[in-house]
Amino acid sequence: MAARATDRHGTPRASDPALGPSRRPGPRSTPEAELAEALRTGPFDVALRAALAARGLALHRVQHRLAQRGIRVGVTSLSYWQRGLRRPDRPESLRALTVLEEVLELPPHALTRLIGPRANGDRPPARPYRALLESAAALEALLASLAAPEDGGLHTVIHYEHVHIGARRELLARDSHHVVRAHRDGVDRYLAIHLGDPGCDTERVRVRGLGNCRVGRTRRDGASGIVVVELLFDARLRAGETAVLGYRFEDGTGAPSEEYVRGFTYGGGQYALQIGFDRAALPVHCRRFTRPSATAPRKAVTDLTLNAHGSVHLVEQQIRPGVLGITWEWD
């Protein structure tokens, strides 16, 4: 199993946007089941994509059916909505959204309720932690003990993460170099979350600040393998301001690792993940994948090639709320 992290941007696996190791994929779900889950948890763009997939409608057909009902919406706008690049928050767009629910045969307000009020600043689309982490209750308890607000106030601009797998196939450490932007005033910390592999001894997990931050309070939950750490800034950020920070989780206490995943509560920004393996223990097969939630089946599974240096990587140019990771197989 692999380690996980959560991107809480504000407080992902508290804002360390990594959710940590993910569990084994569950049974295959149907488009209708995925739609029901997306309508329940959001965010809006994920729910809209699920509705389009469940109804088997291309965007140009949706545009035509809206036009038949007197609603003019461009295919480009519909594309932006379902990709999370824009949201229908103007009055005319909200009227169109009401009709779109009819076209997609959804209950009234099924999509509209996922829009919510516009937040202060350029806050990207978000989804709750409970959709990204199986041990959500344990994480929420740890965050509550740190008096962490529901919205930590940060989202990712750029994030590069390097995970080190040791000779015993264990997750030794992971280094993060992270640029975050505040979408509200007064943000003075980033909450980094680590979810160890099965058997992880949270008391032995250590965190170091690598730059532009210092380690504050640490909370651990041995049963779930979660560690949450405050990374403190030198000054409070105002909405729109950015911070650059680096930090390292040192683990090496869990069972052999089989995947690494990161959960993102907020969309937007760029993410790069590199998994480096000890030359004495190289996997035989590596793949990247996504998940809309922690319990959903893997999607967009793509083979990755192990390079001559014993590493694989992925690059996500436009983060979407959900789970992103790399899995591998040992001989």
Protein backbone atom coordinates (compact mmCIF):
# COMPACT_ATOMS: atom_id res chain seq x y z
CA MET A 1 0.00 0.00 0.00
CA ALA A 2 1.25 3.46 -0.45
CA ALA A 3 1.56 6.52 1.57
CA ARG A 4 -0.81 9.40 1.07
CA ALA A 5 -1.07 13.06 1.52
CA THR A 6 -3.86 15.59 1.23
CA ASP A 7 -3.89 18.90 -0.25
CA ARG A 8 -5.76 20.93 2.08
CA HIS A 9 -4.60 24.18 0.88
CA GLY A 10 -5.74 25.72 3.79
CA THR A 11 -5.56 22.48 5.51
CA PRO A 12 -5.46 19.34 3.25
CA ARG A 13 -4.30 16.10 4.48
CA ALA A 14 -4.43 19.48 5.80
CA SER A 15 -3.09 21.73 3.33
CA ASP A 16 -0.12 19.68 2.58
CA PRO A 17 -2.13 18.68 -0.17
CA ALA A 18 -1.49 15.13 -0.04
CA LEU A 19 -3.94 12.62 1.01
CA GLY A 20 -1.58 9.88 1.59
CA PRO A 21 -1.76 6.26 0.72
CA SER A 22 -4.93 5.09 -0.80
CA ARG A 23 -6.69 1.86 -0.14
CA ARG A 24 -7.23 -0.96 -2.55
CA PRO A 25 -9.71 -0.12 -5.27
CA GLY A 26 -13.25 -1.23 -4.54
CA PRO A 27 -15.72 -2.85 -6.91
CA ARG A 28 -16.42 -1.19 -10.19
CA SER A 29 -19.14 1.40 -9.97
CA THR A 30 -21.71 2.32 -12.60
CA PRO A 31 -22.05 5.79 -14.17
CA GLU A 32 -25.29 6.26 -12.20
CA ALA A 33 -23.57 5.36 -8.93
CA GLU A 34 -20.73 7.75 -9.69
CA LEU A 35 -23.27 10.45 -10.52
CA ALA A 36 -25.11 9.91 -7.24
CA GLU A 37 -21.82 10.18 -5.31
CA ALA A 38 -20.73 13.30 -7.21
CA LEU A 39 -24.08 15.01 -6.64
CA ARG A 40 -23.77 14.24 -2.93
CA THR A 41 -20.16 15.38 -2.38
CA GLY A 42 -19.41 17.74 -5.28
CA PRO A 43 -17.63 19.73 -6.42
CA PHE A 44 -19.73 21.23 -9.20
CA ASP A 45 -17.41 20.38 -12.12
CA VAL A 46 -17.07 16.73 -11.05
CA ALA A 47 -20.85 16.42 -10.69
CA LEU A 48 -21.45 18.00 -14.11
CA ARG A 49 -18.96 15.65 -15.79
CA ALA A 50 -20.59 12.68 -14.08
CA ALA A 51 -24.04 13.80 -15.25
CA LEU A 52 -22.87 14.21 -18.84
CA ALA A 53 -21.25 10.76 -18.74
CA ALA A 54 -24.30 9.10 -17.19
CA ARG A 55 -26.62 10.62 -19.81
CA GLY A 56 -24.20 10.01 -22.68
CA LEU A 57 -24.51 13.58 -23.95
CA ALA A 58 -21.82 15.49 -25.83
CA LEU A 59 -21.57 19.21 -25.15
CA HIS A 60 -22.91 20.23 -28.56
CA ARG A 61 -26.04 18.13 -27.94
CA VAL A 62 -26.49 19.75 -24.54
CA GLN A 63 -26.15 23.18 -26.16
CA HIS A 64 -28.80 22.25 -28.75
CA ARG A 65 -31.27 21.05 -26.11
CA LEU A 66 -30.75 24.22 -24.07
CA ALA A 67 -31.37 26.31 -27.20
CA GLN A 68 -34.65 24.45 -27.79
CA ARG A 69 -35.70 25.73 -24.36
CA GLY A 70 -34.67 29.29 -25.16
CA ILE A 71 -31.32 29.19 -23.32
CA ARG A 72 -28.17 30.26 -25.17
CA VAL A 73 -24.93 28.89 -23.75
CA GLY A 74 -21.78 28.34 -25.79
CA VAL A 75 -20.02 24.99 -25.97
CA THR A 76 -16.89 26.75 -24.69
CA SER A 77 -18.71 27.90 -21.57
CA LEU A 78 -20.08 24.42 -20.96
CA SER A 79 -16.57 23.01 -21.39
CA TYR A 80 -15.15 25.51 -18.89
CA TRP A 81 -17.88 24.59 -16.38
CA GLN A 82 -17.24 20.85 -16.57
CA ARG A 83 -13.45 21.33 -16.38
CA GLY A 84 -13.66 23.54 -13.32
CA LEU A 85 -12.09 26.52 -15.08
CA ARG A 86 -15.16 28.72 -14.61
CA ARG A 87 -18.41 28.47 -12.75
CA PRO A 88 -21.92 29.64 -13.67
CA ASP A 89 -22.32 32.35 -11.04
CA ARG A 90 -23.85 35.20 -13.08
CA PRO A 91 -27.66 35.53 -13.04
CA GLU A 92 -28.08 34.43 -16.66
CA SER A 93 -25.73 31.49 -16.11
CA LEU A 94 -27.64 30.37 -13.03
CA ARG A 95 -30.87 30.47 -15.03
CA ALA A 96 -29.19 28.32 -17.67
CA LEU A 97 -28.04 25.93 -14.95
CA THR A 98 -31.61 25.41 -13.78
CA VAL A 99 -32.64 24.38 -17.30
CA LEU A 100 -29.48 22.28 -17.64
CA GLU A 101 -30.66 20.21 -14.67
CA GLU A 102 -33.83 19.46 -16.62
CA VAL A 103 -31.87 18.51 -19.74
CA LEU A 104 -29.71 16.14 -17.71
CA GLU A 105 -32.76 14.69 -15.93
CA LEU A 106 -31.50 15.71 -12.49
CA PRO A 107 -33.52 16.70 -9.41
CA PRO A 108 -34.13 20.46 -9.03
CA HIS A 109 -31.12 22.29 -7.56
CA ALA A 110 -28.92 19.16 -7.82
CA LEU A 111 -26.17 21.16 -9.54
CA THR A 112 -27.13 24.64 -8.38
CA ARG A 113 -26.57 23.83 -4.72
CA LEU A 114 -22.96 22.85 -5.50
CA ILE A 115 -22.09 26.33 -6.72
CA GLY A 116 -22.28 28.03 -3.31
CA PRO A 117 -21.40 31.67 -2.63
CA ARG A 118 -18.32 33.21 -4.22
CA ALA A 119 -15.51 33.29 -1.72
CA ASN A 120 -13.23 36.23 -0.97
CA GLY A 121 -10.55 36.44 -3.65
CA ASP A 122 -9.91 33.91 -6.39
CA ARG A 123 -10.73 30.80 -4.44
CA PRO A 124 -10.76 27.73 -6.72
CA PRO A 125 -13.43 25.02 -6.71
CA ALA A 126 -13.22 22.76 -3.65
CA ARG A 127 -14.48 19.47 -2.30
CA PRO A 128 -14.64 18.19 1.29
CA TYR A 129 -12.00 16.03 2.96
CA ARG A 130 -14.48 13.26 3.61
CA ALA A 131 -14.56 12.58 -0.14
CA LEU A 132 -10.77 12.29 -0.36
CA LEU A 133 -9.69 10.26 2.64
CA GLU A 134 -11.05 7.00 4.03
CA SER A 135 -9.94 7.96 7.56
CA ALA A 136 -11.74 11.30 7.32
CA ALA A 137 -13.13 11.16 10.88
CA ALA A 138 -9.65 10.73 12.36
CA LEU A 139 -8.29 13.57 10.24
CA GLU A 140 -11.14 15.89 11.19
CA ALA A 141 -10.48 15.18 14.89
CA LEU A 142 -6.80 16.05 14.49
CA LEU A 143 -7.64 19.25 12.63
CA ALA A 144 -10.15 20.21 15.29
CA SER A 145 -7.47 19.78 17.97
CA LEU A 146 -5.45 22.42 16.11
CA ALA A 147 -8.48 24.70 15.84
CA ALA A 148 -8.11 24.53 12.07
CA PRO A 149 -10.86 26.37 10.17
CA GLU A 150 -12.89 24.45 7.59
CA ASP A 151 -11.25 26.61 4.93
CA GLY A 152 -7.53 26.91 5.63
CA GLY A 153 -7.34 29.81 3.18
CA LEU A 154 -4.63 28.48 0.84
CA HIS A 155 -4.57 26.82 -2.55
CA THR A 156 -1.71 25.43 -4.64
CA VAL A 157 0.05 27.39 -7.33
CA ILE A 158 2.90 24.93 -7.93
CA HIS A 159 3.79 21.80 -5.98
CA TYR A 160 6.73 19.44 -6.59
CA GLU A 161 6.92 16.31 -4.48
CA HIS A 162 9.65 13.66 -4.37
CA VAL A 163 8.87 10.38 -2.61
CA HIS A 164 11.77 8.09 -1.60
CA ILE A 165 11.18 4.31 -1.45
CA GLY A 166 13.86 2.32 0.42
CA ALA A 167 15.60 -1.00 -0.06
CA ARG A 168 12.98 -2.73 2.08
CA ARG A 169 10.30 -1.30 -0.22
CA GLU A 170 9.21 1.09 2.53
CA LEU A 171 8.32 4.75 2.17
CA LEU A 172 11.43 6.36 3.64
CA ALA A 173 10.58 10.02 3.17
CA ARG A 174 8.89 12.58 0.98
CA ASP A 175 10.08 16.09 0.17
CA SER A 176 7.70 18.86 -0.85
CA HIS A 177 8.51 22.21 -2.45
CA HIS A 178 5.32 24.20 -2.55
CA VAL A 179 4.03 27.56 -3.72
CA VAL A 180 0.67 28.49 -2.21
CA ARG A 181 -1.62 31.50 -2.60
CA ALA A 182 -4.00 32.86 0.04
CA HIS A 183 -7.64 33.33 -0.98
CA ARG A 184 -8.52 35.14 2.23
CA ASP A 185 -6.73 37.49 4.63
CA GLY A 186 -4.84 36.46 7.76
CA VAL A 187 -3.43 33.05 6.79
CA ASP A 188 -0.30 32.32 8.85
CA ARG A 189 0.21 28.56 8.53
CA TYR A 190 0.00 25.57 6.26
CA LEU A 191 -1.22 22.24 7.63
CA ALA A 192 0.74 19.33 6.18
CA ILE A 193 -0.81 15.88 6.39
CA HIS A 194 0.89 12.52 6.15
CA LEU A 195 -0.88 9.16 5.94
CA GLY A 196 1.53 6.29 6.44
CA ASP A 197 1.35 2.80 5.00
CA PRO A 198 -0.23 0.01 7.09
CA GLY A 199 1.81 -0.55 10.24
CA CYS A 200 3.12 3.01 10.27
CA ASP A 201 4.40 4.08 13.71
CA THR A 202 3.24 7.69 13.84
CA GLU A 203 5.36 8.40 16.93
CA ARG A 204 8.50 7.81 14.85
CA VAL A 205 7.43 9.96 11.89
CA ARG A 206 9.42 13.20 11.83
CA VAL A 207 8.84 16.47 9.98
CA ARG A 208 11.44 19.07 9.03
CA GLY A 209 11.01 22.50 7.54
CA LEU A 210 13.26 22.84 4.50
CA GLY A 211 12.68 26.52 3.85
CA ASN A 212 10.52 29.56 4.62
CA CYS A 213 8.56 27.86 7.40
CA ARG A 214 9.05 26.42 10.87
CA VAL A 215 7.41 23.40 12.42
CA GLY A 216 4.68 24.17 14.92
CA ARG A 217 2.33 21.78 16.71
CA THR A 218 2.11 18.11 15.65
CA ARG A 219 -0.87 15.80 16.04
CA ARG A 220 -0.78 12.01 15.53
CA ASP A 221 -3.36 9.23 15.28
CA GLY A 222 -1.73 5.81 15.50
CA ALA A 223 -4.83 3.83 14.53
CA SER A 224 -5.21 5.56 11.16
CA GLY A 225 -1.51 6.35 10.59
CA ILE A 226 -2.19 10.08 10.15
CA VAL A 227 0.20 12.85 11.19
CA VAL A 228 -0.80 16.52 10.90
CA VAL A 229 1.81 19.25 11.32
CA GLU A 230 1.60 23.04 11.41
CA LEU A 231 4.10 24.78 9.15
CA LEU A 232 4.23 28.38 10.33
CA PHE A 233 4.92 31.42 8.16
CA ASP A 234 6.86 34.44 9.40
CA ALA A 235 3.98 36.80 8.56
CA ARG A 236 0.26 36.64 7.86
CA LEU A 237 -0.72 36.52 4.20
CA ARG A 238 -3.36 38.75 2.69
CA ALA A 239 -5.72 37.51 -0.01
CA GLY A 240 -3.80 37.11 -3.28
CA GLU A 241 -0.34 36.90 -1.65
CA THR A 242 1.87 33.85 -2.17
CA ALA A 243 4.30 31.89 -0.01
CA VAL A 244 7.06 29.43 -0.93
CA LEU A 245 7.81 26.64 1.53
CA GLY A 246 9.66 23.36 1.69
CA TYR A 247 9.20 20.49 4.14
CA ARG A 248 10.09 16.83 4.59
CA PHE A 249 8.28 13.90 6.21
CA GLU A 250 10.59 11.08 7.37
CA ASP A 251 8.81 7.75 7.89
CA GLY A 252 10.26 4.34 7.02
CA THR A 253 8.05 2.57 9.58
CA GLY A 254 5.27 1.03 7.50
CA ALA A 255 4.76 -2.11 5.43
CA PRO A 256 6.08 -2.34 1.85
CA SER A 257 4.59 0.51 -0.14
CA GLU A 258 2.54 -0.14 -3.25
CA GLU A 259 1.26 3.30 -4.17
CA TYR A 260 1.42 6.97 -3.31
CA VAL A 261 -1.57 9.26 -3.67
CA ARG A 262 -2.32 12.89 -3.03
CA GLY A 263 -5.79 14.25 -2.43
CA PHE A 264 -6.67 17.75 -3.55
CA THR A 265 -9.49 19.65 -1.91
CA TYR A 266 -9.00 22.58 -4.32
CA GLY A 267 -8.59 22.65 -8.09
CA GLY A 268 -6.17 24.83 -10.03
CA GLY A 269 -2.39 25.04 -10.00
CA GLN A 270 0.23 22.53 -11.11
CA TYR A 271 1.53 19.37 -9.44
CA ALA A 272 4.52 17.13 -10.17
CA LEU A 273 5.15 13.85 -8.36
CA GLN A 274 8.35 11.80 -8.61
CA ILE A 275 8.75 8.38 -7.01
CA GLY A 276 12.39 7.36 -6.54
CA PHE A 277 13.19 3.69 -5.81
CA ASP A 278 16.31 2.21 -4.22
CA ARG A 279 18.36 0.37 -6.85
CA ALA A 280 18.19 -2.75 -4.67
CA ALA A 281 14.39 -2.84 -4.90
CA LEU A 282 12.90 -1.79 -8.22
CA PRO A 283 9.24 -2.37 -9.14
CA VAL A 284 8.26 -4.31 -12.25
CA HIS A 285 5.32 -2.13 -13.29
CA CYS A 286 4.25 1.47 -12.54
CA ARG A 287 1.03 3.32 -13.44
CA ARG A 288 -0.52 6.71 -12.78
CA PHE A 289 -4.22 7.06 -12.00
CA THR A 290 -6.92 9.40 -10.72
CA ARG A 291 -9.97 8.95 -8.48
CA PRO A 292 -12.87 11.34 -7.91
CA SER A 293 -13.00 10.11 -4.29
CA ALA A 294 -11.08 7.86 -1.92
CA THR A 295 -13.41 4.89 -2.43
CA ALA A 296 -14.05 5.23 -6.17
CA PRO A 297 -12.36 2.94 -8.73
CA ARG A 298 -9.19 4.14 -10.39
CA LYS A 299 -9.62 6.10 -13.60
CA ALA A 300 -7.35 7.34 -16.39
CA VAL A 301 -4.87 4.54 -15.63
CA THR A 302 -1.68 5.04 -17.68
CA ASP A 303 1.55 3.03 -17.75
CA LEU A 304 4.72 4.80 -16.61
CA THR A 305 8.28 3.86 -17.59
CA LEU A 306 10.92 3.47 -14.89
CA ASN A 307 13.96 5.48 -16.01
CA ALA A 308 17.66 4.61 -15.72
CA HIS A 309 17.82 6.42 -12.37
CA GLY A 310 15.14 4.22 -10.83
CA SER A 311 12.32 6.76 -10.79
CA VAL A 312 8.96 7.54 -12.39
CA HIS A 313 6.97 10.73 -12.37
CA LEU A 314 3.76 12.44 -13.36
CA VAL A 315 2.92 16.07 -14.10
CA GLU A 316 -0.56 17.55 -13.74
CA GLN A 317 -0.85 20.91 -15.49
CA GLN A 318 -4.29 21.71 -14.05
CA ILE A 319 -5.13 20.18 -10.68
CA ARG A 320 -8.70 19.04 -10.23
CA PRO A 321 -10.29 18.28 -6.86
CA GLY A 322 -9.94 14.58 -6.15
CA VAL A 323 -7.19 11.98 -5.84
CA LEU A 324 -4.10 11.62 -8.03
CA GLY A 325 -1.36 9.04 -7.62
CA ILE A 326 1.11 6.43 -8.81
CA THR A 327 0.85 2.71 -8.08
CA TRP A 328 3.49 0.03 -8.64
CA GLU A 329 3.93 -3.74 -8.50
CA TRP A 330 6.81 -5.66 -6.95
CA ASP A 331 8.14 -8.90 -8.42
